Amino acid sequence: MIKLIYCISKREDLDAAEFYRYWLQDHAPLVKSVAAAIGASRYVQSHTALPEVNAIFQAGRGLEAPYDGITELWWQDQAAFEQGTATPEGVAAARQLQADEANFIDFSRSRIFMSEEHEIFDLAQ
């Protein structure tokens, strides 16, 4: 599987509650509505939690502040990704998503990249 990983920092003018509300209740349905157009097969949001534990990790390792969350978006394979992003519908959907992201994401403090998963173990199965 091919996966987009988006490490997200919220816009400074939004408080955390509004950021997470918008991302989950407004942006997520938009992503779901264009999933077929972009050829995506799975979408997960991971919202940052346990700030006290995060602070311990930061202090003990000299780390920067954590991202506010991570988006993961999967495609079955590279061909599905390429097909979904090459059609006029896919291109329009990608533009629509990026325009909406500007409502809650600080692009200058966020990172995005494509990856290929290599599962090492899954004890939950």
N, C-alpha and C. Protein backbone atom coordinates (compact mmCIF):
# COMPACT_ATOMS: atom_id res chain seq x y z
N MET A 1 0.83 -1.18 0.00
CA MET A 1 0.00 0.00 0.00
C MET A 1 0.88 1.25 0.00
N ILE A 2 0.37 2.28 -0.62
CA ILE A 2 1.02 3.59 -0.63
C ILE A 2 0.25 4.48 0.33
N LYS A 3 0.98 5.24 1.14
CA LYS A 3 0.31 6.05 2.15
C LYS A 3 0.87 7.47 2.16
N LEU A 4 -0.04 8.44 2.21
CA LEU A 4 0.32 9.83 2.44
C LEU A 4 0.29 10.05 3.94
N ILE A 5 1.34 10.64 4.47
CA ILE A 5 1.40 11.00 5.88
C ILE A 5 1.53 12.51 5.96
N TYR A 6 0.64 13.12 6.72
CA TYR A 6 0.57 14.58 6.81
C TYR A 6 0.67 14.93 8.29
N CYS A 7 1.81 15.46 8.71
CA CYS A 7 2.04 15.89 10.09
C CYS A 7 1.55 17.34 10.18
N ILE A 8 0.48 17.55 10.95
CA ILE A 8 -0.27 18.79 10.90
C ILE A 8 -0.05 19.66 12.14
N SER A 9 0.19 20.93 11.88
CA SER A 9 0.20 21.95 12.93
C SER A 9 -0.96 22.89 12.66
N LYS A 10 -1.69 23.21 13.71
CA LYS A 10 -2.87 24.08 13.57
C LYS A 10 -2.45 25.52 13.32
N ARG A 11 -3.35 26.26 12.72
CA ARG A 11 -3.14 27.69 12.56
C ARG A 11 -3.12 28.33 13.94
N GLU A 12 -2.26 29.33 14.13
CA GLU A 12 -2.11 29.99 15.43
C GLU A 12 -3.37 30.71 15.88
N ASP A 13 -4.20 31.14 14.93
CA ASP A 13 -5.39 31.90 15.30
C ASP A 13 -6.55 31.02 15.75
N LEU A 14 -6.37 29.70 15.72
CA LEU A 14 -7.41 28.77 16.17
C LEU A 14 -7.02 28.18 17.52
N ASP A 15 -7.98 28.07 18.42
CA ASP A 15 -7.68 27.34 19.65
C ASP A 15 -7.78 25.85 19.34
N ALA A 16 -7.25 25.04 20.22
CA ALA A 16 -7.18 23.60 19.98
C ALA A 16 -8.55 22.99 19.76
N ALA A 17 -9.53 23.38 20.56
CA ALA A 17 -10.87 22.79 20.43
C ALA A 17 -11.47 23.07 19.06
N GLU A 18 -11.35 24.29 18.57
CA GLU A 18 -11.90 24.63 17.25
C GLU A 18 -11.13 23.91 16.14
N PHE A 19 -9.82 23.83 16.28
CA PHE A 19 -9.00 23.12 15.29
C PHE A 19 -9.44 21.66 15.16
N TYR A 20 -9.51 20.96 16.29
CA TYR A 20 -9.89 19.54 16.23
C TYR A 20 -11.34 19.38 15.77
N ARG A 21 -12.23 20.25 16.18
CA ARG A 21 -13.62 20.17 15.74
C ARG A 21 -13.71 20.32 14.22
N TYR A 22 -13.04 21.33 13.68
CA TYR A 22 -13.10 21.57 12.24
C TYR A 22 -12.51 20.39 11.47
N TRP A 23 -11.35 19.94 11.90
CA TRP A 23 -10.66 18.84 11.22
C TRP A 23 -11.55 17.59 11.17
N LEU A 24 -12.17 17.27 12.30
CA LEU A 24 -12.98 16.04 12.39
C LEU A 24 -14.38 16.20 11.81
N GLN A 25 -15.03 17.30 12.06
CA GLN A 25 -16.44 17.43 11.68
C GLN A 25 -16.66 18.10 10.32
N ASP A 26 -15.71 18.91 9.86
CA ASP A 26 -15.87 19.58 8.57
C ASP A 26 -14.97 18.98 7.50
N HIS A 27 -13.68 18.85 7.81
CA HIS A 27 -12.73 18.37 6.80
C HIS A 27 -12.87 16.88 6.53
N ALA A 28 -13.03 16.08 7.56
CA ALA A 28 -13.13 14.63 7.36
C ALA A 28 -14.26 14.24 6.41
N PRO A 29 -15.47 14.78 6.55
CA PRO A 29 -16.53 14.44 5.59
C PRO A 29 -16.18 14.86 4.16
N LEU A 30 -15.44 15.95 4.02
CA LEU A 30 -15.00 16.38 2.69
C LEU A 30 -14.05 15.35 2.09
N VAL A 31 -13.09 14.88 2.88
CA VAL A 31 -12.16 13.86 2.39
C VAL A 31 -12.94 12.61 1.97
N LYS A 32 -13.86 12.19 2.81
CA LYS A 32 -14.67 11.00 2.48
C LYS A 32 -15.45 11.20 1.18
N SER A 33 -15.95 12.40 0.97
CA SER A 33 -16.77 12.66 -0.22
C SER A 33 -15.97 12.63 -1.52
N VAL A 34 -14.66 12.84 -1.45
CA VAL A 34 -13.83 12.82 -2.67
C VAL A 34 -12.93 11.59 -2.74
N ALA A 35 -13.09 10.66 -1.82
CA ALA A 35 -12.21 9.48 -1.78
C ALA A 35 -12.21 8.72 -3.10
N ALA A 36 -13.37 8.49 -3.68
CA ALA A 36 -13.44 7.75 -4.95
C ALA A 36 -12.73 8.52 -6.06
N ALA A 37 -12.91 9.83 -6.09
CA ALA A 37 -12.29 10.65 -7.13
C ALA A 37 -10.77 10.59 -7.08
N ILE A 38 -10.20 10.54 -5.87
CA ILE A 38 -8.74 10.50 -5.75
C ILE A 38 -8.21 9.07 -5.64
N GLY A 39 -9.11 8.10 -5.60
CA GLY A 39 -8.70 6.69 -5.55
C GLY A 39 -8.25 6.20 -4.20
N ALA A 40 -8.54 6.95 -3.14
CA ALA A 40 -8.09 6.58 -1.80
C ALA A 40 -8.96 5.47 -1.23
N SER A 41 -8.35 4.59 -0.42
CA SER A 41 -9.08 3.46 0.14
C SER A 41 -9.23 3.52 1.67
N ARG A 42 -8.48 4.40 2.33
CA ARG A 42 -8.57 4.49 3.79
C ARG A 42 -8.09 5.86 4.24
N TYR A 43 -8.71 6.38 5.30
CA TYR A 43 -8.35 7.70 5.83
C TYR A 43 -8.44 7.64 7.35
N VAL A 44 -7.38 8.08 8.02
CA VAL A 44 -7.34 8.08 9.49
C VAL A 44 -6.77 9.41 9.96
N GLN A 45 -7.40 9.97 10.98
CA GLN A 45 -6.86 11.13 11.68
C GLN A 45 -6.37 10.67 13.05
N SER A 46 -5.18 11.11 13.42
CA SER A 46 -4.65 10.86 14.77
C SER A 46 -4.46 12.22 15.43
N HIS A 47 -5.26 12.49 16.46
CA HIS A 47 -5.20 13.77 17.16
C HIS A 47 -4.25 13.64 18.34
N THR A 48 -3.38 14.62 18.51
CA THR A 48 -2.43 14.59 19.62
C THR A 48 -3.18 14.53 20.95
N ALA A 49 -2.69 13.68 21.85
CA ALA A 49 -3.32 13.47 23.16
C ALA A 49 -2.23 13.39 24.23
N LEU A 50 -2.65 13.32 25.47
CA LEU A 50 -1.76 13.17 26.63
C LEU A 50 -0.64 14.22 26.65
N PRO A 51 -1.00 15.50 26.73
CA PRO A 51 0.02 16.56 26.69
C PRO A 51 1.08 16.44 27.78
N GLU A 52 0.71 15.91 28.95
CA GLU A 52 1.69 15.77 30.02
C GLU A 52 2.77 14.75 29.64
N VAL A 53 2.37 13.67 29.03
CA VAL A 53 3.33 12.66 28.58
C VAL A 53 4.19 13.22 27.46
N ASN A 54 3.56 13.95 26.53
CA ASN A 54 4.32 14.57 25.44
C ASN A 54 5.39 15.51 25.98
N ALA A 55 5.06 16.27 27.03
CA ALA A 55 6.02 17.19 27.63
C ALA A 55 7.21 16.44 28.22
N ILE A 56 6.97 15.28 28.79
CA ILE A 56 8.06 14.45 29.33
C ILE A 56 8.96 13.97 28.20
N PHE A 57 8.36 13.51 27.11
CA PHE A 57 9.15 13.08 25.94
C PHE A 57 10.00 14.24 25.42
N GLN A 58 9.40 15.42 25.30
CA GLN A 58 10.12 16.59 24.81
C GLN A 58 11.31 16.91 25.70
N ALA A 59 11.06 17.01 27.00
CA ALA A 59 12.11 17.41 27.94
C ALA A 59 13.23 16.37 28.00
N GLY A 60 12.87 15.10 28.02
CA GLY A 60 13.86 14.04 28.15
C GLY A 60 14.72 13.83 26.93
N ARG A 61 14.23 14.27 25.78
CA ARG A 61 14.95 14.04 24.53
C ARG A 61 15.37 15.33 23.83
N GLY A 62 14.98 16.48 24.38
CA GLY A 62 15.30 17.75 23.74
C GLY A 62 14.57 17.94 22.43
N LEU A 63 13.31 17.49 22.38
CA LEU A 63 12.54 17.53 21.14
C LEU A 63 11.77 18.84 20.99
N GLU A 64 11.41 19.12 19.77
CA GLU A 64 10.50 20.24 19.47
C GLU A 64 9.10 19.85 19.92
N ALA A 65 8.21 20.83 19.96
CA ALA A 65 6.81 20.56 20.30
C ALA A 65 6.21 19.60 19.28
N PRO A 66 5.27 18.76 19.71
CA PRO A 66 4.67 17.79 18.78
C PRO A 66 3.75 18.48 17.78
N TYR A 67 3.49 17.78 16.70
CA TYR A 67 2.46 18.22 15.77
C TYR A 67 1.11 18.11 16.48
N ASP A 68 0.11 18.79 15.96
CA ASP A 68 -1.22 18.71 16.55
C ASP A 68 -1.94 17.43 16.13
N GLY A 69 -1.42 16.77 15.13
CA GLY A 69 -1.99 15.50 14.70
C GLY A 69 -1.39 15.04 13.40
N ILE A 70 -1.86 13.87 12.98
CA ILE A 70 -1.37 13.25 11.74
C ILE A 70 -2.57 12.74 10.95
N THR A 71 -2.54 12.98 9.66
CA THR A 71 -3.49 12.37 8.74
C THR A 71 -2.76 11.28 7.99
N GLU A 72 -3.43 10.14 7.82
CA GLU A 72 -2.91 9.07 6.99
C GLU A 72 -3.97 8.75 5.94
N LEU A 73 -3.55 8.70 4.69
CA LEU A 73 -4.45 8.43 3.58
C LEU A 73 -3.81 7.36 2.72
N TRP A 74 -4.52 6.24 2.54
CA TRP A 74 -3.98 5.08 1.84
C TRP A 74 -4.54 4.92 0.43
N TRP A 75 -3.70 4.36 -0.44
CA TRP A 75 -4.09 3.87 -1.76
C TRP A 75 -3.63 2.42 -1.86
N GLN A 76 -4.36 1.62 -2.61
CA GLN A 76 -4.03 0.19 -2.73
C GLN A 76 -2.61 -0.02 -3.26
N ASP A 77 -2.19 0.83 -4.20
CA ASP A 77 -0.85 0.73 -4.76
C ASP A 77 -0.53 2.03 -5.49
N GLN A 78 0.67 2.11 -6.04
CA GLN A 78 1.08 3.32 -6.72
C GLN A 78 0.21 3.61 -7.93
N ALA A 79 -0.22 2.57 -8.63
CA ALA A 79 -1.09 2.76 -9.80
C ALA A 79 -2.41 3.41 -9.40
N ALA A 80 -2.99 3.00 -8.29
CA ALA A 80 -4.25 3.59 -7.82
C ALA A 80 -4.04 5.06 -7.47
N PHE A 81 -2.91 5.36 -6.84
CA PHE A 81 -2.59 6.75 -6.51
C PHE A 81 -2.46 7.57 -7.79
N GLU A 82 -1.68 7.07 -8.73
CA GLU A 82 -1.44 7.80 -9.97
C GLU A 82 -2.73 8.00 -10.76
N GLN A 83 -3.56 6.98 -10.81
CA GLN A 83 -4.83 7.08 -11.53
C GLN A 83 -5.75 8.11 -10.86
N GLY A 84 -5.84 8.06 -9.54
CA GLY A 84 -6.72 8.96 -8.81
C GLY A 84 -6.28 10.41 -8.87
N THR A 85 -5.00 10.64 -9.01
CA THR A 85 -4.51 12.02 -9.04
C THR A 85 -4.32 12.54 -10.46
N ALA A 86 -4.61 11.73 -11.47
CA ALA A 86 -4.42 12.14 -12.85
C ALA A 86 -5.72 12.53 -13.56
N THR A 87 -6.85 12.11 -13.04
CA THR A 87 -8.12 12.42 -13.69
C THR A 87 -8.53 13.86 -13.39
N PRO A 88 -9.35 14.45 -14.24
CA PRO A 88 -9.84 15.80 -13.93
C PRO A 88 -10.58 15.86 -12.59
N GLU A 89 -11.34 14.80 -12.26
CA GLU A 89 -12.06 14.75 -10.99
C GLU A 89 -11.09 14.68 -9.82
N GLY A 90 -10.04 13.88 -9.97
CA GLY A 90 -9.03 13.76 -8.92
C GLY A 90 -8.26 15.05 -8.69
N VAL A 91 -7.91 15.71 -9.77
CA VAL A 91 -7.20 16.99 -9.68
C VAL A 91 -8.09 18.03 -8.99
N ALA A 92 -9.36 18.09 -9.39
CA ALA A 92 -10.30 19.04 -8.76
C ALA A 92 -10.48 18.73 -7.29
N ALA A 93 -10.57 17.45 -6.94
CA ALA A 93 -10.74 17.06 -5.54
C ALA A 93 -9.52 17.44 -4.72
N ALA A 94 -8.33 17.22 -5.26
CA ALA A 94 -7.10 17.58 -4.54
C ALA A 94 -7.04 19.08 -4.30
N ARG A 95 -7.45 19.87 -5.29
CA ARG A 95 -7.48 21.33 -5.11
C ARG A 95 -8.48 21.72 -4.03
N GLN A 96 -9.63 21.07 -4.04
CA GLN A 96 -10.67 21.36 -3.04
C GLN A 96 -10.17 21.04 -1.63
N LEU A 97 -9.48 19.90 -1.48
CA LEU A 97 -8.94 19.53 -0.17
C LEU A 97 -7.90 20.54 0.31
N GLN A 98 -6.99 20.92 -0.57
CA GLN A 98 -5.96 21.87 -0.18
C GLN A 98 -6.56 23.22 0.20
N ALA A 99 -7.55 23.67 -0.53
CA ALA A 99 -8.20 24.94 -0.20
C ALA A 99 -8.85 24.86 1.18
N ASP A 100 -9.48 23.73 1.49
CA ASP A 100 -10.11 23.58 2.80
C ASP A 100 -9.07 23.47 3.91
N GLU A 101 -7.95 22.83 3.64
CA GLU A 101 -6.90 22.71 4.64
C GLU A 101 -6.42 24.08 5.12
N ALA A 102 -6.46 25.06 4.24
CA ALA A 102 -6.03 26.41 4.62
C ALA A 102 -6.90 27.00 5.73
N ASN A 103 -8.07 26.43 5.95
CA ASN A 103 -8.97 26.91 7.01
C ASN A 103 -8.49 26.52 8.41
N PHE A 104 -7.62 25.51 8.51
CA PHE A 104 -7.23 25.07 9.86
C PHE A 104 -5.77 24.66 10.00
N ILE A 105 -5.04 24.51 8.91
CA ILE A 105 -3.65 24.04 8.96
C ILE A 105 -2.68 25.18 8.71
N ASP A 106 -1.61 25.24 9.50
CA ASP A 106 -0.49 26.15 9.27
C ASP A 106 0.49 25.38 8.37
N PHE A 107 0.45 25.66 7.08
CA PHE A 107 1.28 24.93 6.13
C PHE A 107 2.77 25.09 6.42
N SER A 108 3.18 26.25 6.90
CA SER A 108 4.61 26.49 7.13
C SER A 108 5.19 25.63 8.25
N ARG A 109 4.33 25.14 9.15
CA ARG A 109 4.80 24.33 10.28
C ARG A 109 4.36 22.87 10.16
N SER A 110 3.83 22.49 9.02
CA SER A 110 3.36 21.12 8.80
C SER A 110 4.28 20.43 7.80
N ARG A 111 4.19 19.12 7.74
CA ARG A 111 5.00 18.33 6.81
C ARG A 111 4.11 17.27 6.17
N ILE A 112 4.41 16.94 4.91
CA ILE A 112 3.64 15.93 4.20
C ILE A 112 4.59 15.10 3.34
N PHE A 113 4.35 13.80 3.30
CA PHE A 113 5.18 12.94 2.47
C PHE A 113 4.46 11.64 2.15
N MET A 114 4.88 11.02 1.08
CA MET A 114 4.35 9.72 0.68
C MET A 114 5.25 8.64 1.27
N SER A 115 4.65 7.49 1.60
CA SER A 115 5.43 6.40 2.18
C SER A 115 4.90 5.06 1.69
N GLU A 116 5.69 4.05 1.90
CA GLU A 116 5.29 2.68 1.63
C GLU A 116 5.42 1.91 2.93
N GLU A 117 4.34 1.24 3.34
CA GLU A 117 4.34 0.54 4.62
C GLU A 117 5.12 -0.78 4.53
N HIS A 118 5.79 -1.09 5.61
CA HIS A 118 6.45 -2.38 5.81
C HIS A 118 6.04 -2.85 7.20
N GLU A 119 4.98 -3.62 7.29
CA GLU A 119 4.49 -4.06 8.60
C GLU A 119 5.48 -5.04 9.21
N ILE A 120 5.87 -4.78 10.43
CA ILE A 120 6.81 -5.63 11.15
C ILE A 120 6.04 -6.62 12.01
N PHE A 121 5.02 -6.15 12.71
CA PHE A 121 4.13 -7.06 13.45
C PHE A 121 2.81 -6.38 13.72
N ASP A 122 1.80 -7.18 14.00
CA ASP A 122 0.49 -6.69 14.39
C ASP A 122 -0.08 -7.69 15.38
N LEU A 123 0.16 -7.43 16.66
CA LEU A 123 -0.28 -8.36 17.71
C LEU A 123 -1.78 -8.28 17.96
N ALA A 124 -2.44 -7.25 17.40
CA ALA A 124 -3.89 -7.10 17.59
C ALA A 124 -4.69 -8.10 16.74
N GLN A 125 -4.05 -8.70 15.77
CA GLN A 125 -4.78 -9.63 14.90
C GLN A 125 -4.63 -11.06 15.35
